[in-house]
Amino acid sequence: MKFVFYQSREDTGLVGEARIKDIKLIDDPMKVFEMYGGRVFLTKEELREYVKSQERWGRKKERKKKKWLVIELEDIRKYDKPMKPKRFVSVCG
């Protein structure tokens, strides 16, 4: 399955692609570092700050904790220049 990167500022368009190797749902976001080590695009501190910021939006009050989505990519490729989609694509795909 293909994953595309869309740039919504400056010169908008598709700016790269990758192949989805695996998708996981995990309970503890910090476990992602045990699973993937240094291949995570956030640092541990950035992830801690993000989790802490969720408390402002009421996430801590939820009775049932939501799972965290992890998408593992491979064959990542950046395009030389942004490509305009041939048709409108919604944010959700």
PDB file of N, CA and C in Angstrom:
ATOM      1  N   MET A   1       0.837  -1.159   0.000  1.00  0.00           N
ATOM      2  CA  MET A   1       0.000   0.000   0.000  1.00  0.00           C
ATOM      3  C   MET A   1       0.896   1.240   0.000  1.00  0.00           C
ATOM      4  N   LYS A   2       0.496   2.266  -0.724  1.00  0.00           N
ATOM      5  CA  LYS A   2       1.290   3.475  -0.861  1.00  0.00           C
ATOM      6  C   LYS A   2       0.811   4.551   0.115  1.00  0.00           C
ATOM      7  N   PHE A   3       1.763   5.299   0.647  1.00  0.00           N
ATOM      8  CA  PHE A   3       1.524   6.425   1.539  1.00  0.00           C
ATOM      9  C   PHE A   3       2.088   7.645   0.819  1.00  0.00           C
ATOM     10  N   VAL A   4       1.303   8.704   0.672  1.00  0.00           N
ATOM     11  CA  VAL A   4       1.802   9.902  -0.006  1.00  0.00           C
ATOM     12  C   VAL A   4       1.891  11.067   0.973  1.00  0.00           C
ATOM     13  N   PHE A   5       2.846  11.933   0.729  1.00  0.00           N
ATOM     14  CA  PHE A   5       3.057  13.127   1.546  1.00  0.00           C
ATOM     15  C   PHE A   5       2.549  14.327   0.763  1.00  0.00           C
ATOM     16  N   TYR A   6       1.653  15.094   1.390  1.00  0.00           N
ATOM     17  CA  TYR A   6       1.068  16.272   0.756  1.00  0.00           C
ATOM     18  C   TYR A   6       1.528  17.514   1.507  1.00  0.00           C
ATOM     19  N   GLN A   7       1.990  18.494   0.755  1.00  0.00           N
ATOM     20  CA  GLN A   7       2.428  19.765   1.330  1.00  0.00           C
ATOM     21  C   GLN A   7       1.309  20.782   1.131  1.00  0.00           C
ATOM     22  N   SER A   8       0.788  21.335   2.224  1.00  0.00           N
ATOM     23  CA  SER A   8      -0.363  22.233   2.121  1.00  0.00           C
ATOM     24  C   SER A   8       0.014  23.707   2.189  1.00  0.00           C
ATOM     25  N   ARG A   9       1.267  24.016   2.289  1.00  0.00           N
ATOM     26  CA  ARG A   9       1.692  25.412   2.300  1.00  0.00           C
ATOM     27  C   ARG A   9       2.668  25.644   1.153  1.00  0.00           C
ATOM     28  N   GLU A  10       2.964  26.888   0.916  1.00  0.00           N
ATOM     29  CA  GLU A  10       3.859  27.273  -0.179  1.00  0.00           C
ATOM     30  C   GLU A  10       3.410  26.627  -1.491  1.00  0.00           C
ATOM     31  N   ASP A  11       4.283  25.877  -2.128  1.00  0.00           N
ATOM     32  CA  ASP A  11       3.954  25.233  -3.410  1.00  0.00           C
ATOM     33  C   ASP A  11       3.238  23.910  -3.108  1.00  0.00           C
ATOM     34  N   THR A  12       1.902  23.954  -3.006  1.00  0.00           N
ATOM     35  CA  THR A  12       1.143  22.781  -2.574  1.00  0.00           C
ATOM     36  C   THR A  12       1.204  21.647  -3.589  1.00  0.00           C
ATOM     37  N   GLY A  13       1.065  20.456  -3.077  1.00  0.00           N
ATOM     38  CA  GLY A  13       1.025  19.279  -3.932  1.00  0.00           C
ATOM     39  C   GLY A  13       1.646  18.079  -3.234  1.00  0.00           C
ATOM     40  N   LEU A  14       1.702  16.982  -3.949  1.00  0.00           N
ATOM     41  CA  LEU A  14       2.325  15.761  -3.432  1.00  0.00           C
ATOM     42  C   LEU A  14       3.838  15.933  -3.492  1.00  0.00           C
ATOM     43  N   VAL A  15       4.516  15.706  -2.365  1.00  0.00           N
ATOM     44  CA  VAL A  15       5.953  15.949  -2.312  1.00  0.00           C
ATOM     45  C   VAL A  15       6.784  14.686  -2.097  1.00  0.00           C
ATOM     46  N   GLY A  16       6.110  13.545  -1.927  1.00  0.00           N
ATOM     47  CA  GLY A  16       6.845  12.303  -1.744  1.00  0.00           C
ATOM     48  C   GLY A  16       5.913  11.131  -1.533  1.00  0.00           C
ATOM     49  N   GLU A  17       6.502   9.960  -1.450  1.00  0.00           N
ATOM     50  CA  GLU A  17       5.717   8.745  -1.245  1.00  0.00           C
ATOM     51  C   GLU A  17       6.561   7.707  -0.523  1.00  0.00           C
ATOM     52  N   ALA A  18       5.886   6.704   0.002  1.00  0.00           N
ATOM     53  CA  ALA A  18       6.550   5.583   0.662  1.00  0.00           C
ATOM     54  C   ALA A  18       5.629   4.381   0.576  1.00  0.00           C
ATOM     55  N   ARG A  19       6.185   3.233   0.857  1.00  0.00           N
ATOM     56  CA  ARG A  19       5.382   2.016   0.923  1.00  0.00           C
ATOM     57  C   ARG A  19       5.119   1.711   2.395  1.00  0.00           C
ATOM     58  N   ILE A  20       3.877   1.377   2.726  1.00  0.00           N
ATOM     59  CA  ILE A  20       3.534   1.029   4.099  1.00  0.00           C
ATOM     60  C   ILE A  20       3.979  -0.411   4.351  1.00  0.00           C
ATOM     61  N   LYS A  21       4.898  -0.559   5.293  1.00  0.00           N
ATOM     62  CA  LYS A  21       5.421  -1.882   5.644  1.00  0.00           C
ATOM     63  C   LYS A  21       4.524  -2.554   6.682  1.00  0.00           C
ATOM     64  N   ASP A  22       4.054  -1.755   7.656  1.00  0.00           N
ATOM     65  CA  ASP A  22       3.254  -2.330   8.735  1.00  0.00           C
ATOM     66  C   ASP A  22       2.443  -1.231   9.418  1.00  0.00           C
ATOM     67  N   ILE A  23       1.310  -1.619   9.981  1.00  0.00           N
ATOM     68  CA  ILE A  23       0.473  -0.714  10.768  1.00  0.00           C
ATOM     69  C   ILE A  23       0.168  -1.417  12.082  1.00  0.00           C
ATOM     70  N   LYS A  24       0.383  -0.691  13.184  1.00  0.00           N
ATOM     71  CA  LYS A  24       0.114  -1.258  14.506  1.00  0.00           C
ATOM     72  C   LYS A  24      -0.714  -0.272  15.320  1.00  0.00           C
ATOM     73  N   LEU A  25      -1.518  -0.822  16.234  1.00  0.00           N
ATOM     74  CA  LEU A  25      -2.219  -0.032  17.237  1.00  0.00           C
ATOM     75  C   LEU A  25      -1.618  -0.422  18.584  1.00  0.00           C
ATOM     76  N   ILE A  26      -1.130   0.580  19.328  1.00  0.00           N
ATOM     77  CA  ILE A  26      -0.489   0.287  20.608  1.00  0.00           C
ATOM     78  C   ILE A  26      -1.154   1.093  21.722  1.00  0.00           C
ATOM     79  N   ASP A  27      -1.064   0.576  22.939  1.00  0.00           N
ATOM     80  CA  ASP A  27      -1.667   1.239  24.094  1.00  0.00           C
ATOM     81  C   ASP A  27      -0.776   2.333  24.676  1.00  0.00           C
ATOM     82  N   ASP A  28       0.516   2.066  24.766  1.00  0.00           N
ATOM     83  CA  ASP A  28       1.463   2.989  25.395  1.00  0.00           C
ATOM     84  C   ASP A  28       2.338   3.628  24.315  1.00  0.00           C
ATOM     85  N   PRO A  29       2.195   4.932  24.099  1.00  0.00           N
ATOM     86  CA  PRO A  29       2.976   5.562  23.020  1.00  0.00           C
ATOM     87  C   PRO A  29       4.482   5.467  23.231  1.00  0.00           C
ATOM     88  N   MET A  30       4.953   5.397  24.474  1.00  0.00           N
ATOM     89  CA  MET A  30       6.396   5.329  24.717  1.00  0.00           C
ATOM     90  C   MET A  30       6.971   3.971  24.317  1.00  0.00           C
ATOM     91  N   LYS A  31       6.135   2.953  24.174  1.00  0.00           N
ATOM     92  CA  LYS A  31       6.589   1.623  23.746  1.00  0.00           C
ATOM     93  C   LYS A  31       7.119   1.634  22.313  1.00  0.00           C
ATOM     94  N   VAL A  32       6.729   2.661  21.568  1.00  0.00           N
ATOM     95  CA  VAL A  32       7.168   2.752  20.180  1.00  0.00           C
ATOM     96  C   VAL A  32       8.704   2.824  20.103  1.00  0.00           C
ATOM     97  N   PHE A  33       9.340   3.385  21.128  1.00  0.00           N
ATOM     98  CA  PHE A  33      10.805   3.472  21.133  1.00  0.00           C
ATOM     99  C   PHE A  33      11.441   2.110  21.389  1.00  0.00           C
ATOM    100  N   GLU A  34      10.764   1.254  22.156  1.00  0.00           N
ATOM    101  CA  GLU A  34      11.252  -0.118  22.350  1.00  0.00           C
ATOM    102  C   GLU A  34      11.123  -0.902  21.051  1.00  0.00           C
ATOM    103  N   MET A  35      10.051  -0.639  20.317  1.00  0.00           N
ATOM    104  CA  MET A  35       9.774  -1.380  19.091  1.00  0.00           C
ATOM    105  C   MET A  35      10.640  -0.921  17.919  1.00  0.00           C
ATOM    106  N   TYR A  36      10.883   0.403  17.813  1.00  0.00           N
ATOM    107  CA  TYR A  36      11.531   0.941  16.618  1.00  0.00           C
ATOM    108  C   TYR A  36      12.824   1.703  16.885  1.00  0.00           C
ATOM    109  N   GLY A  37      13.197   1.865  18.141  1.00  0.00           N
ATOM    110  CA  GLY A  37      14.455   2.542  18.465  1.00  0.00           C
ATOM    111  C   GLY A  37      14.540   3.939  17.887  1.00  0.00           C
ATOM    112  N   GLY A  38      15.656   4.227  17.243  1.00  0.00           N
ATOM    113  CA  GLY A  38      15.904   5.550  16.679  1.00  0.00           C
ATOM    114  C   GLY A  38      15.205   5.826  15.361  1.00  0.00           C
ATOM    115  N   ARG A  39      14.361   4.910  14.904  1.00  0.00           N
ATOM    116  CA  ARG A  39      13.671   5.123  13.619  1.00  0.00           C
ATOM    117  C   ARG A  39      12.369   5.901  13.779  1.00  0.00           C
ATOM    118  N   VAL A  40      12.088   6.401  14.977  1.00  0.00           N
ATOM    119  CA  VAL A  40      10.873   7.177  15.239  1.00  0.00           C
ATOM    120  C   VAL A  40      11.143   8.632  14.861  1.00  0.00           C
ATOM    121  N   PHE A  41      10.178   9.293  14.216  1.00  0.00           N
ATOM    122  CA  PHE A  41      10.437  10.655  13.748  1.00  0.00           C
ATOM    123  C   PHE A  41      10.349  11.697  14.850  1.00  0.00           C
ATOM    124  N   LEU A  42       9.907  11.316  16.049  1.00  0.00           N
ATOM    125  CA  LEU A  42       9.894  12.207  17.204  1.00  0.00           C
ATOM    126  C   LEU A  42      10.927  11.734  18.215  1.00  0.00           C
ATOM    127  N   THR A  43      11.410  12.656  19.027  1.00  0.00           N
ATOM    128  CA  THR A  43      12.260  12.257  20.145  1.00  0.00           C
ATOM    129  C   THR A  43      11.340  11.843  21.298  1.00  0.00           C
ATOM    130  N   LYS A  44      11.910  11.185  22.301  1.00  0.00           N
ATOM    131  CA  LYS A  44      11.114  10.804  23.473  1.00  0.00           C
ATOM    132  C   LYS A  44      10.525  12.049  24.138  1.00  0.00           C
ATOM    133  N   GLU A  45      11.328  13.100  24.224  1.00  0.00           N
ATOM    134  CA  GLU A  45      10.856  14.334  24.862  1.00  0.00           C
ATOM    135  C   GLU A  45       9.710  14.958  24.065  1.00  0.00           C
ATOM    136  N   GLU A  46       9.807  14.985  22.745  1.00  0.00           N
ATOM    137  CA  GLU A  46       8.720  15.527  21.922  1.00  0.00           C
ATOM    138  C   GLU A  46       7.432  14.731  22.117  1.00  0.00           C
ATOM    139  N   LEU A  47       7.561  13.408  22.194  1.00  0.00           N
ATOM    140  CA  LEU A  47       6.376  12.581  22.394  1.00  0.00           C
ATOM    141  C   LEU A  47       5.781  12.802  23.782  1.00  0.00           C
ATOM    142  N   ARG A  48       6.633  12.912  24.803  1.00  0.00           N
ATOM    143  CA  ARG A  48       6.132  13.197  26.159  1.00  0.00           C
ATOM    144  C   ARG A  48       5.362  14.521  26.183  1.00  0.00           C
ATOM    145  N   GLU A  49       5.917  15.545  25.535  1.00  0.00           N
ATOM    146  CA  GLU A  49       5.259  16.851  25.476  1.00  0.00           C
ATOM    147  C   GLU A  49       3.914  16.757  24.742  1.00  0.00           C
ATOM    148  N   TYR A  50       3.873  15.992  23.669  1.00  0.00           N
ATOM    149  CA  TYR A  50       2.623  15.827  22.922  1.00  0.00           C
ATOM    150  C   TYR A  50       1.573  15.128  23.790  1.00  0.00           C
ATOM    151  N   VAL A  51       1.963  14.067  24.469  1.00  0.00           N
ATOM    152  CA  VAL A  51       1.036  13.335  25.336  1.00  0.00           C
ATOM    153  C   VAL A  51       0.524  14.267  26.435  1.00  0.00           C
ATOM    154  N   LYS A  52       1.422  15.048  27.019  1.00  0.00           N
ATOM    155  CA  LYS A  52       1.034  15.994  28.076  1.00  0.00           C
ATOM    156  C   LYS A  52       0.057  17.036  27.538  1.00  0.00           C
ATOM    157  N   SER A  53       0.270  17.487  26.314  1.00  0.00           N
ATOM    158  CA  SER A  53      -0.615  18.505  25.731  1.00  0.00           C
ATOM    159  C   SER A  53      -2.028  17.973  25.514  1.00  0.00           C
ATOM    160  N   GLN A  54      -2.186  16.672  25.388  1.00  0.00           N
ATOM    161  CA  GLN A  54      -3.501  16.075  25.168  1.00  0.00           C
ATOM    162  C   GLN A  54      -4.408  16.235  26.389  1.00  0.00           C
ATOM    163  N   GLU A  55      -3.806  16.390  27.559  1.00  0.00           N
ATOM    164  CA  GLU A  55      -4.583  16.577  28.781  1.00  0.00           C
ATOM    165  C   GLU A  55      -5.436  17.843  28.695  1.00  0.00           C
ATOM    166  N   ARG A  56      -4.936  18.866  27.995  1.00  0.00           N
ATOM    167  CA  ARG A  56      -5.699  20.111  27.834  1.00  0.00           C
ATOM    168  C   ARG A  56      -6.991  19.885  27.071  1.00  0.00           C
ATOM    169  N   TRP A  57      -7.017  18.865  26.242  1.00  0.00           N
ATOM    170  CA  TRP A  57      -8.182  18.605  25.389  1.00  0.00           C
ATOM    171  C   TRP A  57      -9.076  17.517  25.968  1.00  0.00           C
ATOM    172  N   GLY A  58      -8.862  17.172  27.238  1.00  0.00           N
ATOM    173  CA  GLY A  58      -9.740  16.228  27.904  1.00  0.00           C
ATOM    174  C   GLY A  58      -9.404  14.772  27.679  1.00  0.00           C
ATOM    175  N   ARG A  59      -8.310  14.480  27.036  1.00  0.00           N
ATOM    176  CA  ARG A  59      -7.960  13.093  26.746  1.00  0.00           C
ATOM    177  C   ARG A  59      -7.704  12.297  28.025  1.00  0.00           C
ATOM    178  N   LYS A  60      -7.166  12.952  29.047  1.00  0.00           N
ATOM    179  CA  LYS A  60      -6.848  12.256  30.293  1.00  0.00           C
ATOM    180  C   LYS A  60      -8.129  11.795  30.996  1.00  0.00           C
ATOM    181  N   LYS A  61      -9.232  12.502  30.787  1.00  0.00           N
ATOM    182  CA  LYS A  61     -10.483  12.194  31.468  1.00  0.00           C
ATOM    183  C   LYS A  61     -11.222  11.005  30.863  1.00  0.00           C
ATOM    184  N   GLU A  62     -10.829  10.589  29.679  1.00  0.00           N
ATOM    185  CA  GLU A  62     -11.525   9.492  29.015  1.00  0.00           C
ATOM    186  C   GLU A  62     -11.427   8.217  29.844  1.00  0.00           C
ATOM    187  N   ARG A  63     -12.530   7.497  29.931  1.00  0.00           N
ATOM    188  CA  ARG A  63     -12.543   6.235  30.689  1.00  0.00           C
ATOM    189  C   ARG A  63     -11.748   5.161  29.952  1.00  0.00           C
ATOM    190  N   LYS A  64     -12.014   5.034  28.668  1.00  0.00           N
ATOM    191  CA  LYS A  64     -11.322   4.028  27.865  1.00  0.00           C
ATOM    192  C   LYS A  64     -10.232   4.729  27.050  1.00  0.00           C
ATOM    193  N   LYS A  65      -8.998   4.339  27.275  1.00  0.00           N
ATOM    194  CA  LYS A  65      -7.896   4.973  26.550  1.00  0.00           C
ATOM    195  C   LYS A  65      -7.924   4.564  25.092  1.00  0.00           C
ATOM    196  N   LYS A  66      -7.651   5.539  24.239  1.00  0.00           N
ATOM    197  CA  LYS A  66      -7.582   5.266  22.804  1.00  0.00           C
ATOM    198  C   LYS A  66      -6.215   4.693  22.467  1.00  0.00           C
ATOM    199  N   LYS A  67      -6.188   3.881  21.448  1.00  0.00           N
ATOM    200  CA  LYS A  67      -4.936   3.295  20.968  1.00  0.00           C
ATOM    201  C   LYS A  67      -4.181   4.329  20.134  1.00  0.00           C
ATOM    202  N   TRP A  68      -2.888   4.132  20.023  1.00  0.00           N
ATOM    203  CA  TRP A  68      -2.027   4.980  19.216  1.00  0.00           C
ATOM    204  C   TRP A  68      -1.702   4.244  17.916  1.00  0.00           C
ATOM    205  N   LEU A  69      -1.782   4.954  16.818  1.00  0.00           N
ATOM    206  CA  LEU A  69      -1.529   4.381  15.501  1.00  0.00           C
ATOM    207  C   LEU A  69      -0.060   4.574  15.133  1.00  0.00           C
ATOM    208  N   VAL A  70       0.593   3.477  14.757  1.00  0.00           N
ATOM    209  CA  VAL A  70       1.983   3.518  14.305  1.00  0.00           C
ATOM    210  C   VAL A  70       2.011   2.997  12.872  1.00  0.00           C
ATOM    211  N   ILE A  71       2.543   3.805  11.968  1.00  0.00           N
ATOM    212  CA  ILE A  71       2.668   3.396  10.565  1.00  0.00           C
ATOM    213  C   ILE A  71       4.159   3.293  10.253  1.00  0.00           C
ATOM    214  N   GLU A  72       4.610   2.100   9.907  1.00  0.00           N
ATOM    215  CA  GLU A  72       6.011   1.881   9.548  1.00  0.00           C
ATOM    216  C   GLU A  72       6.138   1.984   8.033  1.00  0.00           C
ATOM    217  N   LEU A  73       7.041   2.861   7.597  1.00  0.00           N
ATOM    218  CA  LEU A  73       7.221   3.111   6.166  1.00  0.00           C
ATOM    219  C   LEU A  73       8.566   2.578   5.682  1.00  0.00           C
ATOM    220  N   GLU A  74       8.622   2.250   4.393  1.00  0.00           N
ATOM    221  CA  GLU A  74       9.888   1.883   3.755  1.00  0.00           C
ATOM    222  C   GLU A  74       9.883   2.414   2.330  1.00  0.00           C
ATOM    223  N   ASP A  75      11.010   2.370   1.691  1.00  0.00           N
ATOM    224  CA  ASP A  75      11.154   2.885   0.320  1.00  0.00           C
ATOM    225  C   ASP A  75      10.639   4.321   0.227  1.00  0.00           C
ATOM    226  N   ILE A  76      11.056   5.166   1.177  1.00  0.00           N
ATOM    227  CA  ILE A  76      10.608   6.562   1.215  1.00  0.00           C
ATOM    228  C   ILE A  76      11.328   7.342   0.115  1.00  0.00           C
ATOM    229  N   ARG A  77      10.538   8.112  -0.621  1.00  0.00           N
ATOM    230  CA  ARG A  77      11.093   8.854  -1.756  1.00  0.00           C
ATOM    231  C   ARG A  77      10.528  10.265  -1.781  1.00  0.00           C
ATOM    232  N   LYS A  78      11.416  11.256  -1.858  1.00  0.00           N
ATOM    233  CA  LYS A  78      11.000  12.655  -1.989  1.00  0.00           C
ATOM    234  C   LYS A  78      11.034  13.016  -3.468  1.00  0.00           C
ATOM    235  N   TYR A  79       9.969  13.660  -3.947  1.00  0.00           N
ATOM    236  CA  TYR A  79       9.910  14.088  -5.344  1.00  0.00           C
ATOM    237  C   TYR A  79      10.813  15.310  -5.553  1.00  0.00           C
ATOM    238  N   ASP A  80      11.302  15.479  -6.776  1.00  0.00           N
ATOM    239  CA  ASP A  80      12.139  16.636  -7.101  1.00  0.00           C
ATOM    240  C   ASP A  80      11.365  17.941  -6.960  1.00  0.00           C
ATOM    241  N   LYS A  81      10.087  17.912  -7.328  1.00  0.00           N
ATOM    242  CA  LYS A  81       9.228  19.094  -7.180  1.00  0.00           C
ATOM    243  C   LYS A  81       7.808  18.612  -6.885  1.00  0.00           C
ATOM    244  N   PRO A  82       7.009  19.447  -6.198  1.00  0.00           N
ATOM    245  CA  PRO A  82       5.640  19.042  -5.871  1.00  0.00           C
ATOM    246  C   PRO A  82       4.827  18.690  -7.122  1.00  0.00           C
ATOM    247  N   MET A  83       4.034  17.632  -7.008  1.00  0.00           N
ATOM    248  CA  MET A  83       3.163  17.213  -8.109  1.00  0.00           C
ATOM    249  C   MET A  83       1.727  17.554  -7.735  1.00  0.00           C
ATOM    250  N   LYS A  84       1.020  18.206  -8.643  1.00  0.00           N
ATOM    251  CA  LYS A  84      -0.382  18.550  -8.422  1.00  0.00           C
ATOM    252  C   LYS A  84      -1.244  17.316  -8.690  1.00  0.00           C
ATOM    253  N   PRO A  85      -2.154  16.974  -7.752  1.00  0.00           N
ATOM    254  CA  PRO A  85      -3.064  15.845  -8.015  1.00  0.00           C
ATOM    255  C   PRO A  85      -3.953  16.157  -9.227  1.00  0.00           C
ATOM    256  N   LYS A  86      -4.291  15.134 -10.000  1.00  0.00           N
ATOM    257  CA  LYS A  86      -5.129  15.326 -11.186  1.00  0.00           C
ATOM    258  C   LYS A  86      -6.561  15.664 -10.816  1.00  0.00           C
ATOM    259  N   ARG A  87      -6.952  15.274  -9.600  1.00  0.00           N
ATOM    260  CA  ARG A  87      -8.296  15.590  -9.124  1.00  0.00           C
ATOM    261  C   ARG A  87      -8.209  15.976  -7.653  1.00  0.00           C
ATOM    262  N   PHE A  88      -9.255  16.591  -7.138  1.00  0.00           N
ATOM    263  CA  PHE A  88      -9.283  16.983  -5.735  1.00  0.00           C
ATOM    264  C   PHE A  88      -9.250  15.738  -4.848  1.00  0.00           C
ATOM    265  N   VAL A  89      -8.418  15.784  -3.826  1.00  0.00           N
ATOM    266  CA  VAL A  89      -8.332  14.696  -2.865  1.00  0.00           C
ATOM    267  C   VAL A  89      -8.601  15.296  -1.488  1.00  0.00           C
ATOM    268  N   SER A  90      -9.609  14.781  -0.789  1.00  0.00           N
ATOM    269  CA  SER A  90      -9.929  15.305   0.538  1.00  0.00           C
ATOM    270  C   SER A  90      -8.803  14.972   1.510  1.00  0.00           C
ATOM    271  N   VAL A  91      -8.785  15.654   2.641  1.00  0.00           N
ATOM    272  CA  VAL A  91      -7.756  15.438   3.645  1.00  0.00           C
ATOM    273  C   VAL A  91      -7.738  13.975   4.103  1.00  0.00           C
ATOM    274  N   CYS A  92      -8.898  13.357   4.146  1.00  0.00           N
ATOM    275  CA  CYS A  92      -8.984  11.956   4.577  1.00  0.00           C
ATOM    276  C   CYS A  92      -8.618  10.979   3.486  1.00  0.00           C
ATOM    277  N   GLY A  93      -8.416  11.439   2.281  1.00  0.00           N
ATOM    278  CA  GLY A  93      -8.063  10.538   1.191  1.00  0.00           C
ATOM    279  C   GLY A  93      -9.224  10.356   0.310  1.00  0.00           C
TER     280      GLY A  93
END
